[in-house]
Amino acid sequence: MRTAEPRFSPSAEKTIYFFISEALTNVYKHAQTDQVWVSLRLVDKIIIAEVRDDGVGGAAPTGRGLTGMHDRIAAFGGHLDIASHPGQGTRLTASLPAEAS
């Protein structure tokens, strides 16, 4: 039996939606890969969204796009973790309060 998935506040859902959309756009533009993984989970009332690829890596955390992404997540009370080493792909992990509605 499948139970109904919880819904989150509209602002939490919008923040996660735009994070994933922007991260996928970055993969398409910069990663030079054809593989990407997206995961979304709820842990202790924290939404954890992750987008990772096995592309060229080397994303600059201080670049305009990632800085803007970080600022939007921080404005919601969340945190963005960026792991991107040259030749090892990129992993972006956003964690923010679920604020279930």
PDB file of N, CA and C in Angstrom:
ATOM      1  N   MET A   1       0.830  -1.179   0.000  1.00  0.00           N
ATOM      2  CA  MET A   1       0.000   0.000   0.000  1.00  0.00           C
ATOM      3  C   MET A   1       0.877   1.245   0.000  1.00  0.00           C
ATOM      4  N   ARG A   2       0.600   2.158  -0.871  1.00  0.00           N
ATOM      5  CA  ARG A   2       1.353   3.406  -0.969  1.00  0.00           C
ATOM      6  C   ARG A   2       0.592   4.490  -0.226  1.00  0.00           C
ATOM      7  N   THR A   3       1.307   5.231   0.620  1.00  0.00           N
ATOM      8  CA  THR A   3       0.678   6.335   1.341  1.00  0.00           C
ATOM      9  C   THR A   3       0.882   7.624   0.571  1.00  0.00           C
ATOM     10  N   ALA A   4       0.085   8.616   0.870  1.00  0.00           N
ATOM     11  CA  ALA A   4       0.204   9.914   0.201  1.00  0.00           C
ATOM     12  C   ALA A   4       1.531  10.568   0.578  1.00  0.00           C
ATOM     13  N   GLU A   5       2.187  11.136  -0.402  1.00  0.00           N
ATOM     14  CA  GLU A   5       3.439  11.853  -0.141  1.00  0.00           C
ATOM     15  C   GLU A   5       3.113  13.169   0.552  1.00  0.00           C
ATOM     16  N   PRO A   6       3.960  13.589   1.500  1.00  0.00           N
ATOM     17  CA  PRO A   6       3.693  14.874   2.152  1.00  0.00           C
ATOM     18  C   PRO A   6       3.940  16.028   1.187  1.00  0.00           C
ATOM     19  N   ARG A   7       3.209  17.081   1.356  1.00  0.00           N
ATOM     20  CA  ARG A   7       3.449  18.302   0.597  1.00  0.00           C
ATOM     21  C   ARG A   7       4.177  19.262   1.520  1.00  0.00           C
ATOM     22  N   PHE A   8       4.968  20.113   0.946  1.00  0.00           N
ATOM     23  CA  PHE A   8       5.720  21.087   1.701  1.00  0.00           C
ATOM     24  C   PHE A   8       5.169  22.473   1.411  1.00  0.00           C
ATOM     25  N   SER A   9       5.652  23.446   2.131  1.00  0.00           N
ATOM     26  CA  SER A   9       5.182  24.810   1.895  1.00  0.00           C
ATOM     27  C   SER A   9       5.466  25.175   0.434  1.00  0.00           C
ATOM     28  N   PRO A  10       4.638  26.022  -0.141  1.00  0.00           N
ATOM     29  CA  PRO A  10       4.886  26.430  -1.535  1.00  0.00           C
ATOM     30  C   PRO A  10       6.279  27.027  -1.726  1.00  0.00           C
ATOM     31  N   SER A  11       6.767  27.782  -0.747  1.00  0.00           N
ATOM     32  CA  SER A  11       8.088  28.375  -0.911  1.00  0.00           C
ATOM     33  C   SER A  11       9.190  27.313  -0.883  1.00  0.00           C
ATOM     34  N   ALA A  12       9.035  26.266  -0.054  1.00  0.00           N
ATOM     35  CA  ALA A  12      10.019  25.175  -0.036  1.00  0.00           C
ATOM     36  C   ALA A  12       9.993  24.432  -1.366  1.00  0.00           C
ATOM     37  N   GLU A  13       8.809  24.130  -1.859  1.00  0.00           N
ATOM     38  CA  GLU A  13       8.697  23.415  -3.133  1.00  0.00           C
ATOM     39  C   GLU A  13       9.272  24.240  -4.274  1.00  0.00           C
ATOM     40  N   LYS A  14       8.998  25.532  -4.282  1.00  0.00           N
ATOM     41  CA  LYS A  14       9.512  26.403  -5.342  1.00  0.00           C
ATOM     42  C   LYS A  14      11.042  26.484  -5.272  1.00  0.00           C
ATOM     43  N   THR A  15      11.584  26.601  -4.068  1.00  0.00           N
ATOM     44  CA  THR A  15      13.036  26.678  -3.908  1.00  0.00           C
ATOM     45  C   THR A  15      13.710  25.419  -4.432  1.00  0.00           C
ATOM     46  N   ILE A  16      13.179  24.253  -4.087  1.00  0.00           N
ATOM     47  CA  ILE A  16      13.751  22.993  -4.558  1.00  0.00           C
ATOM     48  C   ILE A  16      13.588  22.849  -6.069  1.00  0.00           C
ATOM     49  N   TYR A  17      12.416  23.209  -6.580  1.00  0.00           N
ATOM     50  CA  TYR A  17      12.187  23.130  -8.022  1.00  0.00           C
ATOM     51  C   TYR A  17      13.232  23.940  -8.786  1.00  0.00           C
ATOM     52  N   PHE A  18      13.435  25.195  -8.378  1.00  0.00           N
ATOM     53  CA  PHE A  18      14.386  26.042  -9.091  1.00  0.00           C
ATOM     54  C   PHE A  18      15.826  25.576  -8.880  1.00  0.00           C
ATOM     55  N   PHE A  19      16.147  25.042  -7.709  1.00  0.00           N
ATOM     56  CA  PHE A  19      17.486  24.485  -7.489  1.00  0.00           C
ATOM     57  C   PHE A  19      17.749  23.350  -8.479  1.00  0.00           C
ATOM     58  N   ILE A  20      16.840  22.399  -8.573  1.00  0.00           N
ATOM     59  CA  ILE A  20      17.036  21.255  -9.471  1.00  0.00           C
ATOM     60  C   ILE A  20      17.063  21.715 -10.923  1.00  0.00           C
ATOM     61  N   SER A  21      16.166  22.614 -11.300  1.00  0.00           N
ATOM     62  CA  SER A  21      16.139  23.114 -12.688  1.00  0.00           C
ATOM     63  C   SER A  21      17.448  23.799 -13.061  1.00  0.00           C
ATOM     64  N   GLU A  22      17.932  24.655 -12.170  1.00  0.00           N
ATOM     65  CA  GLU A  22      19.168  25.378 -12.460  1.00  0.00           C
ATOM     66  C   GLU A  22      20.372  24.434 -12.468  1.00  0.00           C
ATOM     67  N   ALA A  23      20.386  23.477 -11.551  1.00  0.00           N
ATOM     68  CA  ALA A  23      21.487  22.519 -11.516  1.00  0.00           C
ATOM     69  C   ALA A  23      21.523  21.684 -12.803  1.00  0.00           C
ATOM     70  N   LEU A  24      20.353  21.244 -13.280  1.00  0.00           N
ATOM     71  CA  LEU A  24      20.304  20.468 -14.525  1.00  0.00           C
ATOM     72  C   LEU A  24      20.731  21.312 -15.722  1.00  0.00           C
ATOM     73  N   THR A  25      20.368  22.585 -15.713  1.00  0.00           N
ATOM     74  CA  THR A  25      20.814  23.483 -16.786  1.00  0.00           C
ATOM     75  C   THR A  25      22.335  23.592 -16.781  1.00  0.00           C
ATOM     76  N   ASN A  26      22.924  23.699 -15.588  1.00  0.00           N
ATOM     77  CA  ASN A  26      24.386  23.763 -15.486  1.00  0.00           C
ATOM     78  C   ASN A  26      25.034  22.481 -15.999  1.00  0.00           C
ATOM     79  N   VAL A  27      24.451  21.333 -15.687  1.00  0.00           N
ATOM     80  CA  VAL A  27      24.983  20.064 -16.205  1.00  0.00           C
ATOM     81  C   VAL A  27      24.968  20.095 -17.728  1.00  0.00           C
ATOM     82  N   TYR A  28      23.842  20.495 -18.290  1.00  0.00           N
ATOM     83  CA  TYR A  28      23.703  20.527 -19.746  1.00  0.00           C
ATOM     84  C   TYR A  28      24.734  21.464 -20.385  1.00  0.00           C
ATOM     85  N   LYS A  29      24.939  22.631 -19.787  1.00  0.00           N
ATOM     86  CA  LYS A  29      25.833  23.629 -20.362  1.00  0.00           C
ATOM     87  C   LYS A  29      27.313  23.330 -20.156  1.00  0.00           C
ATOM     88  N   HIS A  30      27.665  22.746 -18.999  1.00  0.00           N
ATOM     89  CA  HIS A  30      29.069  22.726 -18.628  1.00  0.00           C
ATOM     90  C   HIS A  30      29.686  21.359 -18.352  1.00  0.00           C
ATOM     91  N   ALA A  31      28.915  20.349 -18.006  1.00  0.00           N
ATOM     92  CA  ALA A  31      29.494  19.109 -17.478  1.00  0.00           C
ATOM     93  C   ALA A  31      30.126  18.211 -18.534  1.00  0.00           C
ATOM     94  N   GLN A  32      29.718  18.342 -19.771  1.00  0.00           N
ATOM     95  CA  GLN A  32      30.212  17.475 -20.840  1.00  0.00           C
ATOM     96  C   GLN A  32      30.017  15.999 -20.481  1.00  0.00           C
ATOM     97  N   THR A  33      28.805  15.668 -20.076  1.00  0.00           N
ATOM     98  CA  THR A  33      28.460  14.300 -19.717  1.00  0.00           C
ATOM     99  C   THR A  33      27.073  13.991 -20.245  1.00  0.00           C
ATOM    100  N   ASP A  34      26.749  12.730 -20.316  1.00  0.00           N
ATOM    101  CA  ASP A  34      25.385  12.341 -20.679  1.00  0.00           C
ATOM    102  C   ASP A  34      24.709  11.606 -19.534  1.00  0.00           C
ATOM    103  N   GLN A  35      25.318  11.678 -18.339  1.00  0.00           N
ATOM    104  CA  GLN A  35      24.713  11.040 -17.172  1.00  0.00           C
ATOM    105  C   GLN A  35      24.578  12.054 -16.039  1.00  0.00           C
ATOM    106  N   VAL A  36      23.408  12.046 -15.438  1.00  0.00           N
ATOM    107  CA  VAL A  36      23.156  12.908 -14.287  1.00  0.00           C
ATOM    108  C   VAL A  36      22.191  12.171 -13.368  1.00  0.00           C
ATOM    109  N   TRP A  37      22.356  12.367 -12.072  1.00  0.00           N
ATOM    110  CA  TRP A  37      21.500  11.728 -11.079  1.00  0.00           C
ATOM    111  C   TRP A  37      20.863  12.806 -10.229  1.00  0.00           C
ATOM    112  N   VAL A  38      19.576  12.629  -9.956  1.00  0.00           N
ATOM    113  CA  VAL A  38      18.832  13.555  -9.105  1.00  0.00           C
ATOM    114  C   VAL A  38      18.189  12.740  -7.997  1.00  0.00           C
ATOM    115  N   SER A  39      18.351  13.188  -6.763  1.00  0.00           N
ATOM    116  CA  SER A  39      17.673  12.521  -5.655  1.00  0.00           C
ATOM    117  C   SER A  39      17.035  13.575  -4.762  1.00  0.00           C
ATOM    118  N   LEU A  40      15.950  13.174  -4.144  1.00  0.00           N
ATOM    119  CA  LEU A  40      15.205  14.048  -3.251  1.00  0.00           C
ATOM    120  C   LEU A  40      14.712  13.183  -2.105  1.00  0.00           C
ATOM    121  N   ARG A  41      15.049  13.588  -0.882  1.00  0.00           N
ATOM    122  CA  ARG A  41      14.611  12.813   0.273  1.00  0.00           C
ATOM    123  C   ARG A  41      14.320  13.746   1.442  1.00  0.00           C
ATOM    124  N   LEU A  42      13.583  13.226   2.388  1.00  0.00           N
ATOM    125  CA  LEU A  42      13.223  13.964   3.591  1.00  0.00           C
ATOM    126  C   LEU A  42      13.867  13.253   4.774  1.00  0.00           C
ATOM    127  N   VAL A  43      14.683  13.977   5.533  1.00  0.00           N
ATOM    128  CA  VAL A  43      15.364  13.421   6.695  1.00  0.00           C
ATOM    129  C   VAL A  43      15.166  14.388   7.862  1.00  0.00           C
ATOM    130  N   ASP A  44      14.461  13.931   8.885  1.00  0.00           N
ATOM    131  CA  ASP A  44      14.248  14.757  10.085  1.00  0.00           C
ATOM    132  C   ASP A  44      13.752  16.165   9.749  1.00  0.00           C
ATOM    133  N   LYS A  45      12.718  16.256   8.927  1.00  0.00           N
ATOM    134  CA  LYS A  45      12.091  17.517   8.534  1.00  0.00           C
ATOM    135  C   LYS A  45      13.008  18.435   7.723  1.00  0.00           C
ATOM    136  N   ILE A  46      14.031  17.843   7.123  1.00  0.00           N
ATOM    137  CA  ILE A  46      14.931  18.570   6.233  1.00  0.00           C
ATOM    138  C   ILE A  46      14.818  17.941   4.850  1.00  0.00           C
ATOM    139  N   ILE A  47      14.561  18.773   3.847  1.00  0.00           N
ATOM    140  CA  ILE A  47      14.547  18.308   2.458  1.00  0.00           C
ATOM    141  C   ILE A  47      15.988  18.307   1.980  1.00  0.00           C
ATOM    142  N   ILE A  48      16.420  17.185   1.433  1.00  0.00           N
ATOM    143  CA  ILE A  48      17.759  17.083   0.869  1.00  0.00           C
ATOM    144  C   ILE A  48      17.612  16.756  -0.609  1.00  0.00           C
ATOM    145  N   ALA A  49      18.052  17.684  -1.438  1.00  0.00           N
ATOM    146  CA  ALA A  49      18.000  17.506  -2.889  1.00  0.00           C
ATOM    147  C   ALA A  49      19.430  17.462  -3.399  1.00  0.00           C
ATOM    148  N   GLU A  50      19.715  16.477  -4.237  1.00  0.00           N
ATOM    149  CA  GLU A  50      21.066  16.334  -4.758  1.00  0.00           C
ATOM    150  C   GLU A  50      21.023  16.158  -6.269  1.00  0.00           C
ATOM    151  N   VAL A  51      21.901  16.868  -6.945  1.00  0.00           N
ATOM    152  CA  VAL A  51      22.092  16.713  -8.385  1.00  0.00           C
ATOM    153  C   VAL A  51      23.581  16.463  -8.576  1.00  0.00           C
ATOM    154  N   ARG A  52      23.903  15.340  -9.224  1.00  0.00           N
ATOM    155  CA  ARG A  52      25.318  15.042  -9.457  1.00  0.00           C
ATOM    156  C   ARG A  52      25.514  14.495 -10.861  1.00  0.00           C
ATOM    157  N   ASP A  53      26.729  14.681 -11.348  1.00  0.00           N
ATOM    158  CA  ASP A  53      27.090  14.181 -12.670  1.00  0.00           C
ATOM    159  C   ASP A  53      28.496  13.621 -12.613  1.00  0.00           C
ATOM    160  N   ASP A  54      28.884  12.934 -13.676  1.00  0.00           N
ATOM    161  CA  ASP A  54      30.243  12.395 -13.749  1.00  0.00           C
ATOM    162  C   ASP A  54      31.026  13.089 -14.854  1.00  0.00           C
ATOM    163  N   GLY A  55      30.757  14.377 -15.002  1.00  0.00           N
ATOM    164  CA  GLY A  55      31.381  15.164 -16.065  1.00  0.00           C
ATOM    165  C   GLY A  55      32.761  15.676 -15.710  1.00  0.00           C
ATOM    166  N   VAL A  56      33.116  16.809 -16.304  1.00  0.00           N
ATOM    167  CA  VAL A  56      34.473  17.344 -16.197  1.00  0.00           C
ATOM    168  C   VAL A  56      34.780  17.957 -14.834  1.00  0.00           C
ATOM    169  N   GLY A  57      33.771  18.318 -14.062  1.00  0.00           N
ATOM    170  CA  GLY A  57      34.005  18.916 -12.746  1.00  0.00           C
ATOM    171  C   GLY A  57      34.640  20.283 -12.860  1.00  0.00           C
ATOM    172  N   GLY A  58      35.156  20.757 -11.736  1.00  0.00           N
ATOM    173  CA  GLY A  58      35.845  22.041 -11.728  1.00  0.00           C
ATOM    174  C   GLY A  58      34.936  23.252 -11.647  1.00  0.00           C
ATOM    175  N   ALA A  59      33.687  23.082 -11.228  1.00  0.00           N
ATOM    176  CA  ALA A  59      32.782  24.224 -11.098  1.00  0.00           C
ATOM    177  C   ALA A  59      33.309  25.175 -10.030  1.00  0.00           C
ATOM    178  N   ALA A  60      33.252  26.460 -10.316  1.00  0.00           N
ATOM    179  CA  ALA A  60      33.735  27.475  -9.376  1.00  0.00           C
ATOM    180  C   ALA A  60      32.627  27.854  -8.405  1.00  0.00           C
ATOM    181  N   PRO A  61      32.773  27.524  -7.119  1.00  0.00           N
ATOM    182  CA  PRO A  61      31.738  27.853  -6.140  1.00  0.00           C
ATOM    183  C   PRO A  61      31.451  29.347  -6.042  1.00  0.00           C
ATOM    184  N   THR A  62      32.412  30.165  -6.467  1.00  0.00           N
ATOM    185  CA  THR A  62      32.219  31.614  -6.408  1.00  0.00           C
ATOM    186  C   THR A  62      31.683  32.184  -7.710  1.00  0.00           C
ATOM    187  N   GLY A  63      31.376  31.312  -8.667  1.00  0.00           N
ATOM    188  CA  GLY A  63      30.807  31.776  -9.928  1.00  0.00           C
ATOM    189  C   GLY A  63      29.411  32.348  -9.709  1.00  0.00           C
ATOM    190  N   ARG A  64      28.982  33.179 -10.625  1.00  0.00           N
ATOM    191  CA  ARG A  64      27.701  33.878 -10.489  1.00  0.00           C
ATOM    192  C   ARG A  64      26.522  32.928 -10.311  1.00  0.00           C
ATOM    193  N   GLY A  65      26.462  31.858 -11.103  1.00  0.00           N
ATOM    194  CA  GLY A  65      25.336  30.929 -11.034  1.00  0.00           C
ATOM    195  C   GLY A  65      25.259  30.193  -9.712  1.00  0.00           C
ATOM    196  N   LEU A  66      26.384  29.651  -9.262  1.00  0.00           N
ATOM    197  CA  LEU A  66      26.383  28.908  -8.003  1.00  0.00           C
ATOM    198  C   LEU A  66      26.224  29.836  -6.806  1.00  0.00           C
ATOM    199  N   THR A  67      26.757  31.051  -6.896  1.00  0.00           N
ATOM    200  CA  THR A  67      26.561  32.018  -5.813  1.00  0.00           C
ATOM    201  C   THR A  67      25.084  32.373  -5.682  1.00  0.00           C
ATOM    202  N   GLY A  68      24.414  32.596  -6.803  1.00  0.00           N
ATOM    203  CA  GLY A  68      22.985  32.889  -6.779  1.00  0.00           C
ATOM    204  C   GLY A  68      22.178  31.732  -6.217  1.00  0.00           C
ATOM    205  N   MET A  69      22.552  30.514  -6.597  1.00  0.00           N
ATOM    206  CA  MET A  69      21.876  29.320  -6.090  1.00  0.00           C
ATOM    207  C   MET A  69      22.056  29.236  -4.571  1.00  0.00           C
ATOM    208  N   HIS A  70      23.275  29.444  -4.116  1.00  0.00           N
ATOM    209  CA  HIS A  70      23.577  29.425  -2.685  1.00  0.00           C
ATOM    210  C   HIS A  70      22.744  30.478  -1.943  1.00  0.00           C
ATOM    211  N   ASP A  71      22.677  31.683  -2.490  1.00  0.00           N
ATOM    212  CA  ASP A  71      21.941  32.774  -1.836  1.00  0.00           C
ATOM    213  C   ASP A  71      20.451  32.461  -1.719  1.00  0.00           C
ATOM    214  N   ARG A  72      19.856  31.891  -2.765  1.00  0.00           N
ATOM    215  CA  ARG A  72      18.424  31.566  -2.723  1.00  0.00           C
ATOM    216  C   ARG A  72      18.135  30.489  -1.682  1.00  0.00           C
ATOM    217  N   ILE A  73      19.002  29.500  -1.591  1.00  0.00           N
ATOM    218  CA  ILE A  73      18.793  28.434  -0.605  1.00  0.00           C
ATOM    219  C   ILE A  73      19.021  28.968   0.809  1.00  0.00           C
ATOM    220  N   ALA A  74      20.035  29.796   0.984  1.00  0.00           N
ATOM    221  CA  ALA A  74      20.310  30.388   2.299  1.00  0.00           C
ATOM    222  C   ALA A  74      19.168  31.300   2.737  1.00  0.00           C
ATOM    223  N   ALA A  75      18.543  32.007   1.806  1.00  0.00           N
ATOM    224  CA  ALA A  75      17.425  32.889   2.140  1.00  0.00           C
ATOM    225  C   ALA A  75      16.244  32.111   2.702  1.00  0.00           C
ATOM    226  N   PHE A  76      16.169  30.841   2.373  1.00  0.00           N
ATOM    227  CA  PHE A  76      15.094  29.986   2.880  1.00  0.00           C
ATOM    228  C   PHE A  76      15.519  29.272   4.171  1.00  0.00           C
ATOM    229  N   GLY A  77      16.729  29.547   4.644  1.00  0.00           N
ATOM    230  CA  GLY A  77      17.224  28.903   5.860  1.00  0.00           C
ATOM    231  C   GLY A  77      17.947  27.609   5.597  1.00  0.00           C
ATOM    232  N   GLY A  78      18.384  27.422   4.354  1.00  0.00           N
ATOM    233  CA  GLY A  78      19.046  26.179   3.988  1.00  0.00           C
ATOM    234  C   GLY A  78      20.520  26.344   3.734  1.00  0.00           C
ATOM    235  N   HIS A  79      21.114  25.290   3.205  1.00  0.00           N
ATOM    236  CA  HIS A  79      22.560  25.242   2.955  1.00  0.00           C
ATOM    237  C   HIS A  79      22.805  24.532   1.621  1.00  0.00           C
ATOM    238  N   LEU A  80      23.774  25.025   0.871  1.00  0.00           N
ATOM    239  CA  LEU A  80      24.181  24.388  -0.381  1.00  0.00           C
ATOM    240  C   LEU A  80      25.612  23.897  -0.240  1.00  0.00           C
ATOM    241  N   ASP A  81      25.829  22.624  -0.528  1.00  0.00           N
ATOM    242  CA  ASP A  81      27.165  22.039  -0.515  1.00  0.00           C
ATOM    243  C   ASP A  81      27.566  21.762  -1.959  1.00  0.00           C
ATOM    244  N   ILE A  82      28.766  22.183  -2.323  1.00  0.00           N
ATOM    245  CA  ILE A  82      29.272  22.021  -3.686  1.00  0.00           C
ATOM    246  C   ILE A  82      30.547  21.190  -3.643  1.00  0.00           C
ATOM    247  N   ALA A  83      30.557  20.085  -4.357  1.00  0.00           N
ATOM    248  CA  ALA A  83      31.752  19.261  -4.512  1.00  0.00           C
ATOM    249  C   ALA A  83      32.011  19.119  -6.003  1.00  0.00           C
ATOM    250  N   SER A  84      33.124  19.683  -6.471  1.00  0.00           N
ATOM    251  CA  SER A  84      33.392  19.677  -7.906  1.00  0.00           C
ATOM    252  C   SER A  84      34.890  19.728  -8.152  1.00  0.00           C
ATOM    253  N   HIS A  85      35.505  18.562  -8.250  1.00  0.00           N
ATOM    254  CA  HIS A  85      36.938  18.473  -8.489  1.00  0.00           C
ATOM    255  C   HIS A  85      37.167  18.156  -9.965  1.00  0.00           C
ATOM    256  N   PRO A  86      38.155  18.796 -10.589  1.00  0.00           N
ATOM    257  CA  PRO A  86      38.408  18.550 -12.008  1.00  0.00           C
ATOM    258  C   PRO A  86      38.530  17.051 -12.310  1.00  0.00           C
ATOM    259  N   GLY A  87      37.797  16.622 -13.318  1.00  0.00           N
ATOM    260  CA  GLY A  87      37.828  15.231 -13.756  1.00  0.00           C
ATOM    261  C   GLY A  87      36.986  14.283 -12.924  1.00  0.00           C
ATOM    262  N   GLN A  88      36.310  14.796 -11.882  1.00  0.00           N
ATOM    263  CA  GLN A  88      35.542  13.916 -10.998  1.00  0.00           C
ATOM    264  C   GLN A  88      34.060  14.282 -10.921  1.00  0.00           C
ATOM    265  N   GLY A  89      33.587  15.108 -11.825  1.00  0.00           N
ATOM    266  CA  GLY A  89      32.179  15.472 -11.823  1.00  0.00           C
ATOM    267  C   GLY A  89      31.845  16.504 -10.761  1.00  0.00           C
ATOM    268  N   THR A  90      30.562  16.764 -10.646  1.00  0.00           N
ATOM    269  CA  THR A  90      30.062  17.777  -9.711  1.00  0.00           C
ATOM    270  C   THR A  90      28.889  17.207  -8.936  1.00  0.00           C
ATOM    271  N   ARG A  91      28.844  17.536  -7.646  1.00  0.00           N
ATOM    272  CA  ARG A  91      27.707  17.164  -6.806  1.00  0.00           C
ATOM    273  C   ARG A  91      27.242  18.407  -6.069  1.00  0.00           C
ATOM    274  N   LEU A  92      25.986  18.778  -6.280  1.00  0.00           N
ATOM    275  CA  LEU A  92      25.362  19.889  -5.568  1.00  0.00           C
ATOM    276  C   LEU A  92      24.312  19.300  -4.633  1.00  0.00           C
ATOM    277  N   THR A  93      24.388  19.653  -3.352  1.00  0.00           N
ATOM    278  CA  THR A  93      23.446  19.138  -2.378  1.00  0.00           C
ATOM    279  C   THR A  93      22.823  20.323  -1.641  1.00  0.00           C
ATOM    280  N   ALA A  94      21.521  20.451  -1.783  1.00  0.00           N
ATOM    281  CA  ALA A  94      20.766  21.498  -1.079  1.00  0.00           C
ATOM    282  C   ALA A  94      19.998  20.885   0.068  1.00  0.00           C
ATOM    283  N   SER A  95      20.103  21.496   1.239  1.00  0.00           N
ATOM    284  CA  SER A  95      19.362  21.051   2.424  1.00  0.00           C
ATOM    285  C   SER A  95      18.572  22.248   2.938  1.00  0.00           C
ATOM    286  N   LEU A  96      17.264  22.067   3.136  1.00  0.00           N
ATOM    287  CA  LEU A  96      16.470  23.159   3.649  1.00  0.00           C
ATOM    288  C   LEU A  96      15.284  22.631   4.436  1.00  0.00           C
ATOM    289  N   PRO A  97      14.757  23.453   5.338  1.00  0.00           N
ATOM    290  CA  PRO A  97      13.616  23.022   6.153  1.00  0.00           C
ATOM    291  C   PRO A  97      12.413  22.685   5.281  1.00  0.00           C
ATOM    292  N   ALA A  98      11.732  21.608   5.626  1.00  0.00           N
ATOM    293  CA  ALA A  98      10.596  21.158   4.819  1.00  0.00           C
ATOM    294  C   ALA A  98       9.376  22.058   4.991  1.00  0.00           C
ATOM    295  N   GLU A  99       9.134  22.549   6.193  1.00  0.00           N
ATOM    296  CA  GLU A  99       7.952  23.361   6.470  1.00  0.00           C
ATOM    297  C   GLU A  99       6.720  22.770   5.806  1.00  0.00           C
ATOM    298  N   ALA A 100       6.392  21.534   6.173  1.00  0.00           N
ATOM    299  CA  ALA A 100       5.249  20.835   5.574  1.00  0.00           C
ATOM    300  C   ALA A 100       3.979  21.651   5.722  1.00  0.00           C
ATOM    301  N   SER A 101       3.201  21.652   4.663  1.00  0.00           N
ATOM    302  CA  SER A 101       1.938  22.413   4.704  1.00  0.00           C
ATOM    303  C   SER A 101       0.754  21.465   4.825  1.00  0.00           C
TER     304      SER A 101
END
